[in-house]
Amino acid sequence: MPDNLISIAFFFQTLRITIPYLLPSLGATFSEKGGVVNIALEGILLISAFFTTVGTFYYNNIFIGVIFGVAAGTVVALIHAITTVTFKANQIVSGIALNLLALGLTKFFCKIIFNSSSNSERIPGIESVQLPLIGNPFILLCIILLILSQIVIFKTKFGLRLRAVGENPAAADSLGINVNRIRYAGVLISGILASLGGCWLAFDQHSFTDGMSAGRGYIALAAMIIGKWNPYKAAVACLVFGFAESFSIEFQNTVIPTQFIQMLPYVLTIIVLAGFIGRATPPAADGIPYEKN
């Protein structure tokens, strides 16, 4: 195959791998701009991937599969919002608990529905829906959502209120902004976006596999931090992680030990975080429950 075709194939493979990092990273930006840390992104990815598989398998329709996946992931986000915003629970603990719950639930229901706790039956992929030039419609969706996220957060009234609640909820409350409502909206938007990432995982692998999120939710959070809570910068960080994973796939059959190649994306995450975490300043009220006086 000519070198230019190899480069094009590698580029599109990188974009494909970046999708399940970018979508939850955009979601995390909405949630944390409003002051709620959403570590449950990992669980949302897993739950949405499972229910996307179930919906697609039973109805043989990828669009119904997306509806199943987004609905299920949004329910997980709603539980996180109720726990952290309404009941003021620790946001990290809530997120980790939901991640563990998702891991157990998907394994349990996978055994019941597909008679296997490790993987499902094969489902159709997204190949049936192709677009000119880019081919994969999820790539276009990511571009649109990326632009919309930047506009909504920094150019709209809702975005201004979201940022105000994340920086100083007491001041926002004094101006008549409903802090809890805005935080709920941020968390639910994060759930919807992360759920789309889970849908893509299911379609990309043509099935559900136990633990298939494989830490992508956590890496998406890291990308958001590296991008300093800015969608465009987070997208660049996601592309770096996508490139690292794509690179590791390309070099798996070389003299370099497979274990070393497979750990590259995670090592890169640690290195980049170590270099950027000290310089990234989160919203002032991020992770802090709001108690109205």
C-alpha atoms as a PDB file:
ATOM      1  CA  MET A   1       0.000   0.000   0.000  1.00  0.00           C
ATOM      2  CA  PRO A   2       1.421   3.462  -0.911  1.00  0.00           C
ATOM      3  CA  ASP A   3       2.757   5.531   1.969  1.00  0.00           C
ATOM      4  CA  ASN A   4       0.170   8.300   1.453  1.00  0.00           C
ATOM      5  CA  LEU A   5      -2.678   5.762   1.719  1.00  0.00           C
ATOM      6  CA  ILE A   6      -1.120   4.355   4.884  1.00  0.00           C
ATOM      7  CA  SER A   7      -0.970   7.875   6.327  1.00  0.00           C
ATOM      8  CA  ILE A   8      -4.613   8.525   5.465  1.00  0.00           C
ATOM      9  CA  ALA A   9      -5.658   5.204   6.987  1.00  0.00           C
ATOM     10  CA  PHE A  10      -3.673   5.985  10.126  1.00  0.00           C
ATOM     11  CA  PHE A  11      -5.251   9.441  10.352  1.00  0.00           C
ATOM     12  CA  PHE A  12      -8.792   8.104  10.138  1.00  0.00           C
ATOM     13  CA  GLN A  13      -7.959   5.322  12.577  1.00  0.00           C
ATOM     14  CA  THR A  14      -6.757   7.980  15.020  1.00  0.00           C
ATOM     15  CA  LEU A  15     -10.013   9.910  14.588  1.00  0.00           C
ATOM     16  CA  ARG A  16     -12.031   6.732  15.124  1.00  0.00           C
ATOM     17  CA  ILE A  17     -10.144   5.903  18.312  1.00  0.00           C
ATOM     18  CA  THR A  18     -10.463   9.503  19.551  1.00  0.00           C
ATOM     19  CA  ILE A  19     -14.300   9.453  19.483  1.00  0.00           C
ATOM     20  CA  PRO A  20     -14.865   7.628  22.829  1.00  0.00           C
ATOM     21  CA  TYR A  21     -12.375   9.995  24.475  1.00  0.00           C
ATOM     22  CA  LEU A  22     -13.717  13.215  23.001  1.00  0.00           C
ATOM     23  CA  LEU A  23     -17.437  12.775  23.681  1.00  0.00           C
ATOM     24  CA  PRO A  24     -17.136  12.074  27.445  1.00  0.00           C
ATOM     25  CA  SER A  25     -14.454  14.775  27.686  1.00  0.00           C
ATOM     26  CA  LEU A  26     -16.919  17.327  26.309  1.00  0.00           C
ATOM     27  CA  GLY A  27     -19.477  16.020  28.785  1.00  0.00           C
ATOM     28  CA  ALA A  28     -17.044  16.366  31.659  1.00  0.00           C
ATOM     29  CA  THR A  29     -16.472  19.996  30.687  1.00  0.00           C
ATOM     30  CA  PHE A  30     -20.178  20.800  31.048  1.00  0.00           C
ATOM     31  CA  SER A  31     -20.426  19.009  34.384  1.00  0.00           C
ATOM     32  CA  GLU A  32     -17.327  20.554  35.944  1.00  0.00           C
ATOM     33  CA  LYS A  33     -18.005  24.037  34.607  1.00  0.00           C
ATOM     34  CA  GLY A  34     -21.137  23.823  36.757  1.00  0.00           C
ATOM     35  CA  GLY A  35     -19.193  22.601  39.781  1.00  0.00           C
ATOM     36  CA  VAL A  36     -19.855  18.836  39.700  1.00  0.00           C
ATOM     37  CA  VAL A  37     -17.058  16.312  39.195  1.00  0.00           C
ATOM     38  CA  ASN A  38     -18.399  13.426  37.107  1.00  0.00           C
ATOM     39  CA  ILE A  39     -16.074  10.462  37.535  1.00  0.00           C
ATOM     40  CA  ALA A  40     -19.096   8.290  36.655  1.00  0.00           C
ATOM     41  CA  LEU A  41     -18.242   8.872  32.975  1.00  0.00           C
ATOM     42  CA  GLU A  42     -16.536   5.479  32.958  1.00  0.00           C
ATOM     43  CA  GLY A  43     -19.710   3.775  34.135  1.00  0.00           C
ATOM     44  CA  ILE A  44     -21.848   5.793  31.716  1.00  0.00           C
ATOM     45  CA  LEU A  45     -19.682   4.643  28.807  1.00  0.00           C
ATOM     46  CA  LEU A  46     -20.074   1.022  29.885  1.00  0.00           C
ATOM     47  CA  ILE A  47     -23.819   1.141  30.577  1.00  0.00           C
ATOM     48  CA  SER A  48     -24.593   2.964  27.325  1.00  0.00           C
ATOM     49  CA  ALA A  49     -22.442   0.547  25.315  1.00  0.00           C
ATOM     50  CA  PHE A  50     -24.334  -2.390  26.828  1.00  0.00           C
ATOM     51  CA  PHE A  51     -27.815  -0.997  26.232  1.00  0.00           C
ATOM     52  CA  THR A  52     -26.855   0.155  22.734  1.00  0.00           C
ATOM     53  CA  THR A  53     -25.923  -3.451  22.037  1.00  0.00           C
ATOM     54  CA  VAL A  54     -29.171  -4.745  23.540  1.00  0.00           C
ATOM     55  CA  GLY A  55     -31.360  -2.301  21.590  1.00  0.00           C
ATOM     56  CA  THR A  56     -29.540  -2.923  18.320  1.00  0.00           C
ATOM     57  CA  PHE A  57     -29.571  -6.706  18.821  1.00  0.00           C
ATOM     58  CA  TYR A  58     -33.300  -6.978  19.495  1.00  0.00           C
ATOM     59  CA  TYR A  59     -34.519  -4.443  16.934  1.00  0.00           C
ATOM     60  CA  ASN A  60     -31.704  -4.788  14.372  1.00  0.00           C
ATOM     61  CA  ASN A  61     -31.674  -1.003  14.090  1.00  0.00           C
ATOM     62  CA  ILE A  62     -28.695   1.160  15.036  1.00  0.00           C
ATOM     63  CA  PHE A  63     -30.861   4.229  15.661  1.00  0.00           C
ATOM     64  CA  ILE A  64     -32.972   2.377  18.227  1.00  0.00           C
ATOM     65  CA  GLY A  65     -29.713   1.146  19.715  1.00  0.00           C
ATOM     66  CA  VAL A  66     -28.543   4.751  20.117  1.00  0.00           C
ATOM     67  CA  ILE A  67     -31.830   5.659  21.841  1.00  0.00           C
ATOM     68  CA  PHE A  68     -31.409   2.736  24.263  1.00  0.00           C
ATOM     69  CA  GLY A  69     -27.779   3.641  24.960  1.00  0.00           C
ATOM     70  CA  VAL A  70     -28.312   7.376  25.484  1.00  0.00           C
ATOM     71  CA  ALA A  71     -31.363   6.779  27.687  1.00  0.00           C
ATOM     72  CA  ALA A  72     -29.494   4.308  29.902  1.00  0.00           C
ATOM     73  CA  GLY A  73     -26.407   6.527  30.219  1.00  0.00           C
ATOM     74  CA  THR A  74     -28.532   9.563  31.028  1.00  0.00           C
ATOM     75  CA  VAL A  75     -30.243   7.629  33.839  1.00  0.00           C
ATOM     76  CA  VAL A  76     -26.811   6.956  35.376  1.00  0.00           C
ATOM     77  CA  ALA A  77     -25.983  10.672  35.096  1.00  0.00           C
ATOM     78  CA  LEU A  78     -29.328  11.519  36.713  1.00  0.00           C
ATOM     79  CA  ILE A  79     -28.531   9.225  39.651  1.00  0.00           C
ATOM     80  CA  HIS A  80     -25.181  10.979  40.035  1.00  0.00           C
ATOM     81  CA  ALA A  81     -26.904  14.385  39.934  1.00  0.00           C
ATOM     82  CA  ILE A  82     -29.508  13.372  42.532  1.00  0.00           C
ATOM     83  CA  THR A  83     -26.816  11.952  44.801  1.00  0.00           C
ATOM     84  CA  THR A  84     -24.408  14.874  44.567  1.00  0.00           C
ATOM     85  CA  VAL A  85     -26.586  17.924  43.898  1.00  0.00           C
ATOM     86  CA  THR A  86     -29.728  17.115  45.875  1.00  0.00           C
ATOM     87  CA  PHE A  87     -28.248  15.009  48.664  1.00  0.00           C
ATOM     88  CA  LYS A  88     -24.818  16.719  48.699  1.00  0.00           C
ATOM     89  CA  ALA A  89     -22.907  13.414  48.701  1.00  0.00           C
ATOM     90  CA  ASN A  90     -19.190  13.304  47.975  1.00  0.00           C
ATOM     91  CA  GLN A  91     -18.900  13.545  44.191  1.00  0.00           C
ATOM     92  CA  ILE A  92     -15.840  11.308  43.882  1.00  0.00           C
ATOM     93  CA  VAL A  93     -17.396   8.556  46.002  1.00  0.00           C
ATOM     94  CA  SER A  94     -20.652   8.746  44.047  1.00  0.00           C
ATOM     95  CA  GLY A  95     -18.832   8.499  40.721  1.00  0.00           C
ATOM     96  CA  ILE A  96     -16.697   5.539  41.763  1.00  0.00           C
ATOM     97  CA  ALA A  97     -19.744   3.754  43.207  1.00  0.00           C
ATOM     98  CA  LEU A  98     -21.624   4.187  39.918  1.00  0.00           C
ATOM     99  CA  ASN A  99     -18.628   2.907  37.960  1.00  0.00           C
ATOM    100  CA  LEU A 100     -18.506  -0.242  40.093  1.00  0.00           C
ATOM    101  CA  LEU A 101     -22.283  -0.625  39.809  1.00  0.00           C
ATOM    102  CA  ALA A 102     -22.092  -0.354  36.015  1.00  0.00           C
ATOM    103  CA  LEU A 103     -19.373  -2.990  35.883  1.00  0.00           C
ATOM    104  CA  GLY A 104     -21.454  -5.420  37.930  1.00  0.00           C
ATOM    105  CA  LEU A 105     -24.806  -4.697  36.279  1.00  0.00           C
ATOM    106  CA  THR A 106     -23.537  -5.092  32.735  1.00  0.00           C
ATOM    107  CA  LYS A 107     -21.864  -8.392  33.581  1.00  0.00           C
ATOM    108  CA  PHE A 108     -25.040  -9.614  35.331  1.00  0.00           C
ATOM    109  CA  PHE A 109     -27.472  -8.677  32.565  1.00  0.00           C
ATOM    110  CA  CYS A 110     -25.092  -9.799  29.842  1.00  0.00           C
ATOM    111  CA  LYS A 111     -25.215 -13.270  31.377  1.00  0.00           C
ATOM    112  CA  ILE A 112     -29.033 -13.198  31.486  1.00  0.00           C
ATOM    113  CA  ILE A 113     -29.587 -11.776  27.986  1.00  0.00           C
ATOM    114  CA  PHE A 114     -26.690 -13.269  26.018  1.00  0.00           C
ATOM    115  CA  ASN A 115     -25.869 -16.277  28.214  1.00  0.00           C
ATOM    116  CA  SER A 116     -22.325 -14.979  28.679  1.00  0.00           C
ATOM    117  CA  SER A 117     -20.912 -12.667  31.319  1.00  0.00           C
ATOM    118  CA  SER A 118     -18.032 -11.575  29.100  1.00  0.00           C
ATOM    119  CA  ASN A 119     -19.490 -10.685  25.699  1.00  0.00           C
ATOM    120  CA  SER A 120     -22.698 -10.298  23.720  1.00  0.00           C
ATOM    121  CA  GLU A 121     -23.876 -11.512  20.340  1.00  0.00           C
ATOM    122  CA  ARG A 122     -22.574  -9.613  17.318  1.00  0.00           C
ATOM    123  CA  ILE A 123     -24.530  -6.524  16.201  1.00  0.00           C
ATOM    124  CA  PRO A 124     -24.465  -4.359  13.061  1.00  0.00           C
ATOM    125  CA  GLY A 125     -21.946  -1.535  13.048  1.00  0.00           C
ATOM    126  CA  ILE A 126     -22.188   2.019  11.830  1.00  0.00           C
ATOM    127  CA  GLU A 127     -20.784   1.024   8.406  1.00  0.00           C
ATOM    128  CA  SER A 128     -24.295   1.005   6.954  1.00  0.00           C
ATOM    129  CA  VAL A 129     -24.440   4.788   7.344  1.00  0.00           C
ATOM    130  CA  GLN A 130     -21.607   6.470   5.462  1.00  0.00           C
ATOM    131  CA  LEU A 131     -20.925  10.104   4.590  1.00  0.00           C
ATOM    132  CA  PRO A 132     -18.847  11.527   1.710  1.00  0.00           C
ATOM    133  CA  LEU A 133     -15.169  12.185   2.492  1.00  0.00           C
ATOM    134  CA  ILE A 134     -15.260  11.367   6.203  1.00  0.00           C
ATOM    135  CA  GLY A 135     -17.287   8.160   5.900  1.00  0.00           C
ATOM    136  CA  ASN A 136     -18.044   7.732   9.591  1.00  0.00           C
ATOM    137  CA  PRO A 137     -21.052   9.863  10.671  1.00  0.00           C
ATOM    138  CA  PHE A 138     -19.804   9.887  14.270  1.00  0.00           C
ATOM    139  CA  ILE A 139     -16.816  11.964  13.152  1.00  0.00           C
ATOM    140  CA  LEU A 140     -19.155  14.640  11.793  1.00  0.00           C
ATOM    141  CA  LEU A 141     -21.249  14.383  14.968  1.00  0.00           C
ATOM    142  CA  CYS A 142     -18.152  14.954  17.104  1.00  0.00           C
ATOM    143  CA  ILE A 143     -17.159  18.012  15.081  1.00  0.00           C
ATOM    144  CA  ILE A 144     -20.648  19.493  15.404  1.00  0.00           C
ATOM    145  CA  LEU A 145     -20.851  18.749  19.150  1.00  0.00           C
ATOM    146  CA  LEU A 146     -17.374  20.172  19.708  1.00  0.00           C
ATOM    147  CA  ILE A 147     -18.283  23.477  18.035  1.00  0.00           C
ATOM    148  CA  LEU A 148     -21.665  23.612  19.803  1.00  0.00           C
ATOM    149  CA  SER A 149     -20.054  22.909  23.184  1.00  0.00           C
ATOM    150  CA  GLN A 150     -17.609  25.787  22.753  1.00  0.00           C
ATOM    151  CA  ILE A 151     -20.408  28.146  21.707  1.00  0.00           C
ATOM    152  CA  VAL A 152     -22.838  27.071  24.432  1.00  0.00           C
ATOM    153  CA  ILE A 153     -20.292  27.309  27.254  1.00  0.00           C
ATOM    154  CA  PHE A 154     -18.713  30.624  26.264  1.00  0.00           C
ATOM    155  CA  LYS A 155     -21.274  32.453  24.098  1.00  0.00           C
ATOM    156  CA  THR A 156     -24.731  31.777  25.557  1.00  0.00           C
ATOM    157  CA  LYS A 157     -26.718  32.827  28.608  1.00  0.00           C
ATOM    158  CA  PHE A 158     -26.877  29.219  29.794  1.00  0.00           C
ATOM    159  CA  GLY A 159     -23.097  28.921  29.494  1.00  0.00           C
ATOM    160  CA  LEU A 160     -22.604  32.124  31.476  1.00  0.00           C
ATOM    161  CA  ARG A 161     -24.875  30.829  34.227  1.00  0.00           C
ATOM    162  CA  LEU A 162     -23.145  27.438  34.191  1.00  0.00           C
ATOM    163  CA  ARG A 163     -19.744  29.064  34.631  1.00  0.00           C
ATOM    164  CA  ALA A 164     -21.074  31.400  37.318  1.00  0.00           C
ATOM    165  CA  VAL A 165     -22.466  28.470  39.299  1.00  0.00           C
ATOM    166  CA  GLY A 166     -19.145  26.652  38.982  1.00  0.00           C
ATOM    167  CA  GLU A 167     -17.134  29.657  40.137  1.00  0.00           C
ATOM    168  CA  ASN A 168     -19.323  31.193  42.843  1.00  0.00           C
ATOM    169  CA  PRO A 169     -22.687  29.489  43.420  1.00  0.00           C
ATOM    170  CA  ALA A 170     -23.612  31.813  46.306  1.00  0.00           C
ATOM    171  CA  ALA A 171     -23.189  34.891  44.096  1.00  0.00           C
ATOM    172  CA  ALA A 172     -25.119  33.204  41.280  1.00  0.00           C
ATOM    173  CA  ASP A 173     -27.895  32.310  43.719  1.00  0.00           C
ATOM    174  CA  SER A 174     -28.082  35.915  44.929  1.00  0.00           C
ATOM    175  CA  LEU A 175     -28.744  36.967  41.323  1.00  0.00           C
ATOM    176  CA  GLY A 176     -31.697  34.614  41.056  1.00  0.00           C
ATOM    177  CA  ILE A 177     -29.973  31.718  39.299  1.00  0.00           C
ATOM    178  CA  ASN A 178     -31.237  28.305  40.381  1.00  0.00           C
ATOM    179  CA  VAL A 179     -27.926  26.634  41.271  1.00  0.00           C
ATOM    180  CA  ASN A 180     -29.272  23.108  41.573  1.00  0.00           C
ATOM    181  CA  ARG A 181     -31.145  23.317  38.269  1.00  0.00           C
ATOM    182  CA  ILE A 182     -28.060  24.517  36.410  1.00  0.00           C
ATOM    183  CA  ARG A 183     -25.906  21.810  37.996  1.00  0.00           C
ATOM    184  CA  TYR A 184     -28.472  19.165  37.089  1.00  0.00           C
ATOM    185  CA  ALA A 185     -28.386  20.408  33.498  1.00  0.00           C
ATOM    186  CA  GLY A 186     -24.583  20.228  33.384  1.00  0.00           C
ATOM    187  CA  VAL A 187     -24.482  16.672  34.721  1.00  0.00           C
ATOM    188  CA  LEU A 188     -27.276  15.471  32.416  1.00  0.00           C
ATOM    189  CA  ILE A 189     -25.576  17.015  29.363  1.00  0.00           C
ATOM    190  CA  SER A 190     -22.383  15.233  30.393  1.00  0.00           C
ATOM    191  CA  GLY A 191     -24.346  11.981  30.603  1.00  0.00           C
ATOM    192  CA  ILE A 192     -25.820  12.398  27.124  1.00  0.00           C
ATOM    193  CA  LEU A 193     -22.452  13.181  25.540  1.00  0.00           C
ATOM    194  CA  ALA A 194     -20.662  10.341  27.327  1.00  0.00           C
ATOM    195  CA  SER A 195     -23.497   7.981  26.342  1.00  0.00           C
ATOM    196  CA  LEU A 196     -22.868   8.747  22.682  1.00  0.00           C
ATOM    197  CA  GLY A 197     -19.282   7.672  23.276  1.00  0.00           C
ATOM    198  CA  GLY A 198     -20.589   4.380  24.668  1.00  0.00           C
ATOM    199  CA  CYS A 199     -22.810   3.945  21.611  1.00  0.00           C
ATOM    200  CA  TRP A 200     -19.783   4.351  19.395  1.00  0.00           C
ATOM    201  CA  LEU A 201     -17.831   1.728  21.374  1.00  0.00           C
ATOM    202  CA  ALA A 202     -20.601  -0.814  20.822  1.00  0.00           C
ATOM    203  CA  PHE A 203     -20.873  -0.088  17.088  1.00  0.00           C
ATOM    204  CA  ASP A 204     -17.119   0.035  16.594  1.00  0.00           C
ATOM    205  CA  GLN A 205     -16.611  -3.393  18.196  1.00  0.00           C
ATOM    206  CA  HIS A 206     -19.908  -4.813  16.868  1.00  0.00           C
ATOM    207  CA  SER A 207     -20.703  -6.186  20.322  1.00  0.00           C
ATOM    208  CA  PHE A 208     -20.546  -5.572  24.053  1.00  0.00           C
ATOM    209  CA  THR A 209     -17.503  -6.861  25.911  1.00  0.00           C
ATOM    210  CA  ASP A 210     -17.133  -6.887  29.684  1.00  0.00           C
ATOM    211  CA  GLY A 211     -15.179  -3.810  30.805  1.00  0.00           C
ATOM    212  CA  MET A 212     -14.937  -2.477  27.256  1.00  0.00           C
ATOM    213  CA  SER A 213     -14.759   1.150  28.457  1.00  0.00           C
ATOM    214  CA  ALA A 214     -11.207   0.223  29.559  1.00  0.00           C
ATOM    215  CA  GLY A 215     -10.485   3.446  31.444  1.00  0.00           C
ATOM    216  CA  ARG A 216     -11.575   5.774  28.652  1.00  0.00           C
ATOM    217  CA  GLY A 217     -13.815   7.742  31.015  1.00  0.00           C
ATOM    218  CA  TYR A 218     -10.856   8.494  33.272  1.00  0.00           C
ATOM    219  CA  ILE A 219      -8.637   9.443  30.341  1.00  0.00           C
ATOM    220  CA  ALA A 220     -11.422  11.717  29.078  1.00  0.00           C
ATOM    221  CA  LEU A 221     -11.346  13.490  32.452  1.00  0.00           C
ATOM    222  CA  ALA A 222      -7.585  13.831  32.148  1.00  0.00           C
ATOM    223  CA  ALA A 223      -7.981  15.324  28.664  1.00  0.00           C
ATOM    224  CA  MET A 224     -10.464  17.857  30.016  1.00  0.00           C
ATOM    225  CA  ILE A 225      -8.027  18.885  32.752  1.00  0.00           C
ATOM    226  CA  ILE A 226      -5.166  19.147  30.266  1.00  0.00           C
ATOM    227  CA  GLY A 227      -7.444  21.257  28.085  1.00  0.00           C
ATOM    228  CA  LYS A 228      -8.156  23.535  31.061  1.00  0.00           C
ATOM    229  CA  TRP A 229     -11.920  23.008  30.951  1.00  0.00           C
ATOM    230  CA  ASN A 230     -12.075  24.268  27.356  1.00  0.00           C
ATOM    231  CA  PRO A 231     -13.730  22.011  24.713  1.00  0.00           C
ATOM    232  CA  TYR A 232     -11.320  22.891  21.902  1.00  0.00           C
ATOM    233  CA  LYS A 233      -8.213  22.316  24.016  1.00  0.00           C
ATOM    234  CA  ALA A 234      -9.674  19.124  25.466  1.00  0.00           C
ATOM    235  CA  ALA A 235     -10.253  17.896  21.907  1.00  0.00           C
ATOM    236  CA  VAL A 236      -6.563  18.396  21.130  1.00  0.00           C
ATOM    237  CA  ALA A 237      -5.635  16.370  24.212  1.00  0.00           C
ATOM    238  CA  CYS A 238      -8.061  13.624  23.139  1.00  0.00           C
ATOM    239  CA  LEU A 239      -6.418  13.540  19.711  1.00  0.00           C
ATOM    240  CA  VAL A 240      -3.045  13.022  21.391  1.00  0.00           C
ATOM    241  CA  PHE A 241      -4.409  10.056  23.346  1.00  0.00           C
ATOM    242  CA  GLY A 242      -6.093   8.730  20.208  1.00  0.00           C
ATOM    243  CA  PHE A 243      -2.802   9.021  18.345  1.00  0.00           C
ATOM    244  CA  ALA A 244      -0.973   7.151  21.124  1.00  0.00           C
ATOM    245  CA  GLU A 245      -3.494   4.300  21.044  1.00  0.00           C
ATOM    246  CA  SER A 246      -3.444   4.180  17.251  1.00  0.00           C
ATOM    247  CA  PHE A 247       0.344   4.116  17.355  1.00  0.00           C
ATOM    248  CA  SER A 248       0.270   1.228  19.824  1.00  0.00           C
ATOM    249  CA  ILE A 249      -2.024  -0.753  17.502  1.00  0.00           C
ATOM    250  CA  GLU A 250       0.221  -0.195  14.483  1.00  0.00           C
ATOM    251  CA  PHE A 251       3.345  -1.395  16.316  1.00  0.00           C
ATOM    252  CA  GLN A 252       1.919  -4.451  18.077  1.00  0.00           C
ATOM    253  CA  ASN A 253       3.453  -6.893  15.593  1.00  0.00           C
ATOM    254  CA  THR A 254       6.993  -5.532  15.749  1.00  0.00           C
ATOM    255  CA  VAL A 255      10.059  -6.472  17.762  1.00  0.00           C
ATOM    256  CA  ILE A 256       8.937  -4.049  20.496  1.00  0.00           C
ATOM    257  CA  PRO A 257       7.341  -6.007  23.388  1.00  0.00           C
ATOM    258  CA  THR A 258       3.539  -5.998  23.154  1.00  0.00           C
ATOM    259  CA  GLN A 259       3.159  -5.076  26.829  1.00  0.00           C
ATOM    260  CA  PHE A 260       5.247  -1.946  26.321  1.00  0.00           C
ATOM    261  CA  ILE A 261       3.193  -0.917  23.292  1.00  0.00           C
ATOM    262  CA  GLN A 262      -0.130  -1.475  25.081  1.00  0.00           C
ATOM    263  CA  MET A 263       0.831   0.684  28.061  1.00  0.00           C
ATOM    264  CA  LEU A 264       1.773   3.718  25.923  1.00  0.00           C
ATOM    265  CA  PRO A 265      -1.618   5.522  26.099  1.00  0.00           C
ATOM    266  CA  TYR A 266      -1.707   5.194  29.896  1.00  0.00           C
ATOM    267  CA  VAL A 267       1.909   6.223  30.372  1.00  0.00           C
ATOM    268  CA  LEU A 268       1.268   9.229  28.144  1.00  0.00           C
ATOM    269  CA  THR A 269      -1.719  10.148  30.336  1.00  0.00           C
ATOM    270  CA  ILE A 270       0.442  10.108  33.470  1.00  0.00           C
ATOM    271  CA  ILE A 271       3.263  12.081  31.842  1.00  0.00           C
ATOM    272  CA  VAL A 272       0.987  14.741  30.384  1.00  0.00           C
ATOM    273  CA  LEU A 273      -1.000  15.079  33.618  1.00  0.00           C
ATOM    274  CA  ALA A 274       2.224  15.447  35.600  1.00  0.00           C
ATOM    275  CA  GLY A 275       3.243  18.270  33.277  1.00  0.00           C
ATOM    276  CA  PHE A 276      -0.102  20.090  33.135  1.00  0.00           C
ATOM    277  CA  ILE A 277      -2.055  19.417  36.318  1.00  0.00           C
ATOM    278  CA  GLY A 278      -0.187  22.055  38.300  1.00  0.00           C
ATOM    279  CA  ARG A 279      -0.951  24.714  35.707  1.00  0.00           C
ATOM    280  CA  ALA A 280      -4.634  23.908  35.219  1.00  0.00           C
ATOM    281  CA  THR A 281      -7.007  25.785  37.514  1.00  0.00           C
ATOM    282  CA  PRO A 282     -10.468  24.260  37.881  1.00  0.00           C
ATOM    283  CA  PRO A 283     -13.645  26.268  38.535  1.00  0.00           C
ATOM    284  CA  ALA A 284     -13.464  27.575  42.098  1.00  0.00           C
ATOM    285  CA  ALA A 285     -16.513  25.614  43.321  1.00  0.00           C
ATOM    286  CA  ASP A 286     -15.741  22.426  41.373  1.00  0.00           C
ATOM    287  CA  GLY A 287     -16.493  19.391  43.536  1.00  0.00           C
ATOM    288  CA  ILE A 288     -18.001  21.454  46.360  1.00  0.00           C
ATOM    289  CA  PRO A 289     -21.715  20.867  47.176  1.00  0.00           C
ATOM    290  CA  TYR A 290     -23.701  24.074  47.471  1.00  0.00           C
ATOM    291  CA  GLU A 291     -25.488  24.662  50.750  1.00  0.00           C
ATOM    292  CA  LYS A 292     -27.943  27.538  50.468  1.00  0.00           C
ATOM    293  CA  ASN A 293     -27.857  29.843  53.483  1.00  0.00           C
END
